[in-house]
N, C-alpha and C. Protein backbone atom coordinates (compact mmCIF):
# COMPACT_ATOMS: atom_id res chain seq x y z
N MET A 1 92.24 50.63 124.60
CA MET A 1 92.54 50.56 123.19
C MET A 1 91.50 51.31 122.35
N ALA A 2 90.27 51.35 122.80
CA ALA A 2 89.21 52.03 122.06
C ALA A 2 89.46 53.53 122.02
N PHE A 3 90.03 54.06 123.12
CA PHE A 3 90.32 55.49 123.16
C PHE A 3 91.39 55.84 122.12
N LEU A 4 92.44 55.04 122.02
CA LEU A 4 93.50 55.31 121.05
C LEU A 4 92.98 55.20 119.62
N LYS A 5 92.07 54.28 119.38
CA LYS A 5 91.49 54.13 118.05
C LYS A 5 90.64 55.36 117.69
N ARG A 6 89.84 55.82 118.64
CA ARG A 6 89.02 57.03 118.39
C ARG A 6 89.91 58.26 118.22
N LEU A 7 90.97 58.35 119.04
CA LEU A 7 91.90 59.47 118.91
C LEU A 7 92.58 59.46 117.54
N GLY A 8 92.94 58.30 117.07
CA GLY A 8 93.56 58.17 115.74
C GLY A 8 92.64 58.64 114.64
N TRP A 9 91.37 58.20 114.66
CA TRP A 9 90.41 58.63 113.65
C TRP A 9 90.14 60.14 113.74
N TYR A 10 90.11 60.65 114.96
CA TYR A 10 89.92 62.10 115.16
C TYR A 10 91.07 62.87 114.52
N LEU A 11 92.30 62.43 114.75
CA LEU A 11 93.47 63.13 114.20
C LEU A 11 93.52 63.01 112.67
N VAL A 12 93.10 61.89 112.12
CA VAL A 12 93.04 61.74 110.66
C VAL A 12 92.04 62.74 110.09
N GLY A 13 90.86 62.82 110.66
CA GLY A 13 89.85 63.75 110.18
C GLY A 13 90.27 65.20 110.35
N LEU A 14 90.91 65.51 111.47
CA LEU A 14 91.38 66.87 111.72
C LEU A 14 92.45 67.26 110.70
N SER A 15 93.38 66.37 110.41
CA SER A 15 94.43 66.71 109.45
C SER A 15 93.87 66.87 108.04
N ILE A 16 92.90 66.05 107.65
CA ILE A 16 92.27 66.21 106.33
C ILE A 16 91.55 67.56 106.27
N GLY A 17 90.87 67.94 107.33
CA GLY A 17 90.18 69.23 107.36
C GLY A 17 91.14 70.40 107.30
N ILE A 18 92.25 70.32 107.99
CA ILE A 18 93.23 71.41 107.97
C ILE A 18 93.83 71.55 106.58
N VAL A 19 94.18 70.43 105.94
CA VAL A 19 94.74 70.48 104.58
C VAL A 19 93.71 71.09 103.63
N PHE A 20 92.46 70.71 103.73
CA PHE A 20 91.41 71.27 102.89
C PHE A 20 91.29 72.77 103.09
N LEU A 21 91.28 73.23 104.35
CA LEU A 21 91.16 74.66 104.62
C LEU A 21 92.35 75.44 104.09
N VAL A 22 93.55 74.90 104.23
CA VAL A 22 94.74 75.61 103.74
C VAL A 22 94.64 75.81 102.23
N PHE A 23 94.31 74.77 101.48
CA PHE A 23 94.20 74.91 100.04
C PHE A 23 93.03 75.80 99.64
N PHE A 24 91.90 75.67 100.31
CA PHE A 24 90.71 76.46 99.98
C PHE A 24 90.96 77.94 100.25
N LEU A 25 91.49 78.28 101.40
CA LEU A 25 91.72 79.69 101.74
C LEU A 25 92.83 80.30 100.89
N LYS A 26 93.85 79.53 100.56
CA LYS A 26 94.91 80.05 99.71
C LYS A 26 94.37 80.35 98.31
N LYS A 27 93.58 79.44 97.76
CA LYS A 27 93.00 79.66 96.44
C LYS A 27 92.06 80.86 96.46
N LYS A 28 91.25 80.99 97.49
CA LYS A 28 90.31 82.10 97.59
C LYS A 28 91.05 83.43 97.68
N SER A 29 92.12 83.49 98.45
CA SER A 29 92.85 84.74 98.59
C SER A 29 93.58 85.10 97.30
N ASP A 30 94.04 84.11 96.53
CA ASP A 30 94.69 84.40 95.25
C ASP A 30 93.71 84.95 94.23
N GLU A 31 92.50 84.41 94.19
CA GLU A 31 91.51 84.83 93.19
C GLU A 31 90.94 86.20 93.49
N THR A 32 90.62 86.46 94.72
CA THR A 32 89.94 87.70 95.06
C THR A 32 90.87 88.78 95.56
N GLY A 33 92.14 88.46 95.78
CA GLY A 33 93.06 89.44 96.31
C GLY A 33 92.79 89.75 97.77
N THR A 34 92.18 88.82 98.46
CA THR A 34 91.87 89.01 99.87
C THR A 34 93.16 89.00 100.67
N GLU A 35 93.30 89.97 101.55
CA GLU A 35 94.43 89.98 102.45
C GLU A 35 93.92 90.24 103.86
N PHE A 36 94.63 89.70 104.81
CA PHE A 36 94.19 89.81 106.19
C PHE A 36 94.98 90.93 106.86
N CYS A 37 94.34 92.07 107.04
CA CYS A 37 94.98 93.24 107.64
C CYS A 37 94.49 93.40 109.07
N TYR A 38 95.37 93.14 110.00
CA TYR A 38 95.01 93.28 111.40
C TYR A 38 95.67 94.48 112.05
N PHE A 39 96.80 94.94 111.52
CA PHE A 39 97.51 96.05 112.12
C PHE A 39 96.99 97.37 111.56
N PRO A 40 97.07 98.45 112.34
CA PRO A 40 96.52 99.74 111.88
C PRO A 40 97.13 100.23 110.57
N ASN A 41 98.44 100.07 110.39
CA ASN A 41 99.09 100.53 109.17
C ASN A 41 98.48 99.87 107.94
N CYS A 42 98.32 98.57 107.99
CA CYS A 42 97.77 97.82 106.86
C CYS A 42 96.30 98.18 106.61
N ARG A 43 95.54 98.35 107.68
CA ARG A 43 94.12 98.66 107.51
C ARG A 43 93.90 100.03 106.88
N VAL A 44 94.68 101.03 107.31
CA VAL A 44 94.52 102.38 106.75
C VAL A 44 94.96 102.41 105.29
N LEU A 45 96.08 101.77 104.97
CA LEU A 45 96.54 101.75 103.57
C LEU A 45 95.55 101.01 102.67
N LYS A 46 94.98 99.92 103.17
CA LYS A 46 93.98 99.18 102.38
C LYS A 46 92.74 100.05 102.14
N ASP A 47 92.33 100.81 103.16
CA ASP A 47 91.19 101.71 103.01
C ASP A 47 91.48 102.78 101.96
N MET A 48 92.69 103.32 101.96
CA MET A 48 93.06 104.36 100.99
C MET A 48 93.11 103.80 99.57
N ARG A 49 93.57 102.56 99.42
CA ARG A 49 93.64 101.96 98.08
C ARG A 49 92.26 101.73 97.48
N SER A 50 91.24 101.65 98.32
CA SER A 50 89.90 101.36 97.81
C SER A 50 89.15 102.62 97.35
N LYS A 51 89.74 103.79 97.55
CA LYS A 51 89.07 105.06 97.19
C LYS A 51 89.77 105.72 96.02
N PRO A 52 89.06 106.60 95.30
CA PRO A 52 89.70 107.32 94.19
C PRO A 52 90.71 108.35 94.72
N LEU A 53 91.82 108.51 93.98
CA LEU A 53 92.86 109.46 94.34
C LEU A 53 92.61 110.80 93.68
N ILE A 54 92.69 111.86 94.45
CA ILE A 54 92.56 113.23 93.95
C ILE A 54 93.87 113.95 94.26
N PHE A 55 94.47 114.58 93.26
CA PHE A 55 95.73 115.29 93.45
C PHE A 55 95.44 116.77 93.69
N SER A 56 96.14 117.37 94.64
CA SER A 56 95.97 118.80 94.90
C SER A 56 96.64 119.60 93.78
N GLU A 57 96.41 120.91 93.75
CA GLU A 57 96.91 121.74 92.67
C GLU A 57 98.43 121.84 92.65
N ASN A 58 99.08 121.77 93.81
CA ASN A 58 100.53 121.94 93.84
C ASN A 58 101.28 120.68 93.42
N ILE A 59 100.57 119.59 93.16
CA ILE A 59 101.19 118.37 92.64
C ILE A 59 100.66 118.15 91.24
N GLY A 60 101.56 118.10 90.27
CA GLY A 60 101.15 117.80 88.90
C GLY A 60 100.93 116.30 88.76
N LYS A 61 99.84 115.91 88.15
CA LYS A 61 99.54 114.49 88.00
C LYS A 61 100.19 113.95 86.74
N THR A 62 101.21 113.15 86.93
CA THR A 62 101.85 112.45 85.83
C THR A 62 101.79 110.96 86.12
N SER A 63 102.13 110.16 85.13
CA SER A 63 102.10 108.72 85.35
C SER A 63 103.16 108.31 86.38
N LYS A 64 104.28 109.02 86.42
CA LYS A 64 105.32 108.72 87.40
C LYS A 64 104.79 108.99 88.81
N ASP A 65 104.07 110.09 88.99
CA ASP A 65 103.51 110.41 90.30
C ASP A 65 102.49 109.36 90.72
N SER A 66 101.66 108.91 89.80
CA SER A 66 100.67 107.90 90.12
C SER A 66 101.32 106.59 90.54
N MET A 67 102.38 106.20 89.84
CA MET A 67 103.09 104.98 90.22
C MET A 67 103.77 105.13 91.57
N LEU A 68 104.31 106.31 91.84
CA LEU A 68 104.95 106.59 93.12
C LEU A 68 103.93 106.54 94.25
N ILE A 69 102.75 107.11 94.04
CA ILE A 69 101.69 107.10 95.05
C ILE A 69 101.25 105.66 95.31
N ASN A 70 101.09 104.85 94.26
CA ASN A 70 100.70 103.46 94.45
C ASN A 70 101.75 102.68 95.24
N THR A 71 103.01 103.02 95.05
CA THR A 71 104.08 102.39 95.85
C THR A 71 103.92 102.74 97.32
N PHE A 72 103.59 103.99 97.60
CA PHE A 72 103.35 104.41 98.98
C PHE A 72 102.18 103.65 99.58
N LEU A 73 101.09 103.52 98.82
CA LEU A 73 99.88 102.88 99.35
C LEU A 73 100.03 101.37 99.48
N GLN A 74 101.03 100.78 98.82
CA GLN A 74 101.29 99.35 98.96
C GLN A 74 102.29 99.06 100.08
N ASP A 75 103.40 99.80 100.09
CA ASP A 75 104.53 99.45 100.96
C ASP A 75 104.87 100.51 101.99
N GLY A 76 104.10 101.58 102.09
CA GLY A 76 104.45 102.68 102.97
C GLY A 76 104.24 102.39 104.45
N ASP A 77 104.88 103.21 105.26
CA ASP A 77 104.73 103.14 106.72
C ASP A 77 104.11 104.46 107.19
N ILE A 78 103.00 104.37 107.87
CA ILE A 78 102.31 105.56 108.36
C ILE A 78 102.93 105.99 109.68
N ASP A 79 103.24 107.28 109.77
CA ASP A 79 103.76 107.84 111.02
C ASP A 79 102.56 108.36 111.81
N PHE A 80 102.04 107.52 112.71
CA PHE A 80 100.85 107.88 113.46
C PHE A 80 101.13 108.98 114.47
N GLY A 81 102.39 109.18 114.85
CA GLY A 81 102.75 110.25 115.77
C GLY A 81 102.56 111.63 115.15
N LYS A 82 102.90 111.77 113.88
CA LYS A 82 102.74 113.04 113.17
C LYS A 82 101.35 113.20 112.58
N SER A 83 100.68 112.11 112.32
CA SER A 83 99.38 112.14 111.65
C SER A 83 98.29 112.64 112.58
N ASP A 84 97.26 113.25 111.98
CA ASP A 84 96.10 113.72 112.73
C ASP A 84 94.93 112.80 112.39
N THR A 85 94.73 111.79 113.22
CA THR A 85 93.71 110.79 112.95
C THR A 85 92.36 111.13 113.54
N LYS A 86 92.25 112.23 114.25
CA LYS A 86 91.00 112.61 114.89
C LYS A 86 90.25 113.72 114.16
N SER A 87 90.87 114.32 113.14
CA SER A 87 90.25 115.47 112.48
C SER A 87 89.03 115.06 111.67
N LYS A 88 88.12 115.97 111.52
CA LYS A 88 86.89 115.76 110.75
C LYS A 88 86.86 116.78 109.64
N PRO A 89 86.37 116.54 108.49
CA PRO A 89 85.83 115.32 107.93
C PRO A 89 86.92 114.40 107.37
N CYS A 90 88.16 114.94 107.18
CA CYS A 90 89.24 114.15 106.59
C CYS A 90 90.38 113.99 107.58
N LYS A 91 90.90 112.79 107.68
CA LYS A 91 92.04 112.52 108.54
C LYS A 91 93.32 112.73 107.74
N THR A 92 94.34 113.29 108.39
CA THR A 92 95.61 113.57 107.73
C THR A 92 96.63 112.52 108.14
N TYR A 93 97.30 111.93 107.15
CA TYR A 93 98.31 110.91 107.40
C TYR A 93 99.62 111.29 106.72
N PHE A 94 100.73 110.97 107.36
CA PHE A 94 102.06 111.11 106.79
C PHE A 94 102.59 109.70 106.56
N ILE A 95 102.85 109.37 105.30
CA ILE A 95 103.29 108.03 104.92
C ILE A 95 104.73 108.14 104.42
N SER A 96 105.61 107.35 105.01
CA SER A 96 107.01 107.37 104.59
C SER A 96 107.34 106.08 103.84
N ASN A 97 108.30 106.20 102.93
CA ASN A 97 108.72 105.05 102.14
C ASN A 97 110.12 105.33 101.61
N THR A 98 110.91 104.28 101.44
CA THR A 98 112.24 104.40 100.85
C THR A 98 112.16 103.85 99.44
N ILE A 99 112.45 104.72 98.46
CA ILE A 99 112.38 104.34 97.06
C ILE A 99 113.73 104.65 96.42
N GLU A 100 114.36 103.63 95.88
CA GLU A 100 115.67 103.75 95.22
C GLU A 100 116.69 104.44 96.12
N GLY A 101 116.69 104.09 97.39
CA GLY A 101 117.67 104.62 98.33
C GLY A 101 117.34 105.99 98.90
N GLU A 102 116.27 106.60 98.47
CA GLU A 102 115.87 107.91 98.99
C GLU A 102 114.65 107.76 99.88
N ASP A 103 114.63 108.53 100.96
CA ASP A 103 113.48 108.55 101.85
C ASP A 103 112.48 109.60 101.39
N TRP A 104 111.22 109.19 101.24
CA TRP A 104 110.15 110.07 100.78
C TRP A 104 109.05 110.12 101.83
N VAL A 105 108.34 111.25 101.87
CA VAL A 105 107.19 111.40 102.76
C VAL A 105 106.02 111.92 101.93
N LEU A 106 104.88 111.29 102.13
CA LEU A 106 103.65 111.65 101.42
C LEU A 106 102.63 112.15 102.44
N LYS A 107 102.06 113.32 102.20
CA LYS A 107 101.01 113.86 103.06
C LYS A 107 99.68 113.64 102.36
N VAL A 108 98.77 112.95 103.05
CA VAL A 108 97.51 112.52 102.45
C VAL A 108 96.36 112.88 103.39
N LYS A 109 95.25 113.33 102.80
CA LYS A 109 94.00 113.50 103.57
C LYS A 109 93.06 112.39 103.15
N ASN A 110 92.67 111.56 104.11
CA ASN A 110 91.79 110.42 103.86
C ASN A 110 90.37 110.83 104.23
N CYS A 111 89.56 111.10 103.22
CA CYS A 111 88.17 111.51 103.43
C CYS A 111 87.25 110.29 103.32
N GLN A 112 85.98 110.51 103.53
CA GLN A 112 85.00 109.42 103.50
C GLN A 112 84.91 108.76 102.13
N ASP A 113 84.97 109.56 101.05
CA ASP A 113 84.76 109.03 99.71
C ASP A 113 85.92 109.24 98.76
N LYS A 114 87.04 109.84 99.22
CA LYS A 114 88.19 110.09 98.35
C LYS A 114 89.46 110.22 99.19
N VAL A 115 90.58 110.17 98.50
CA VAL A 115 91.89 110.39 99.12
C VAL A 115 92.54 111.56 98.40
N LEU A 116 92.85 112.61 99.15
CA LEU A 116 93.45 113.82 98.59
C LEU A 116 94.96 113.78 98.85
N ILE A 117 95.74 113.74 97.77
CA ILE A 117 97.19 113.75 97.86
C ILE A 117 97.62 115.21 97.95
N GLU A 118 98.15 115.61 99.10
CA GLU A 118 98.50 117.02 99.30
C GLU A 118 99.93 117.35 98.96
N ASN A 119 100.88 116.50 99.38
CA ASN A 119 102.27 116.85 99.22
C ASN A 119 103.12 115.59 99.18
N ILE A 120 104.14 115.64 98.37
CA ILE A 120 105.14 114.55 98.35
C ILE A 120 106.51 115.21 98.31
N GLN A 121 107.38 114.75 99.18
CA GLN A 121 108.71 115.35 99.22
C GLN A 121 109.74 114.31 99.64
N THR A 122 110.98 114.57 99.24
CA THR A 122 112.07 113.71 99.62
C THR A 122 112.76 114.30 100.85
N LEU A 123 113.27 113.44 101.68
CA LEU A 123 113.98 113.87 102.88
C LEU A 123 115.48 113.92 102.57
N LYS A 124 116.06 115.07 102.70
CA LYS A 124 117.49 115.25 102.45
C LYS A 124 118.22 115.01 103.78
N ILE A 125 119.26 114.18 103.71
CA ILE A 125 120.02 113.91 104.93
C ILE A 125 121.33 114.66 104.89
């Protein structure tokens, strides 16, 4: 009977600790915008969002383009097969996204201190 009593107290303490951690971590992630990125796609996009964006000359910088780029960096899918992740000093990534029913591809160079937006185009089917 003593074992069951100790097991009961252990489970009560464990459940209180789990409930505390769930509320604490949820509140912390809401305040700081912390997200847990474990997959390569999420980690690369998070890294790009943390750097300043530089637009190349062939892309005119408008507010619509900036909003479109932010959509890519939030919800895009990186095509690692086409991307050149080994190049130095900047890695080249192709990010695809479907916006308003159209498929778009963004070509980006991810450098150490900046992100260079090289090309954005729609895929015609």
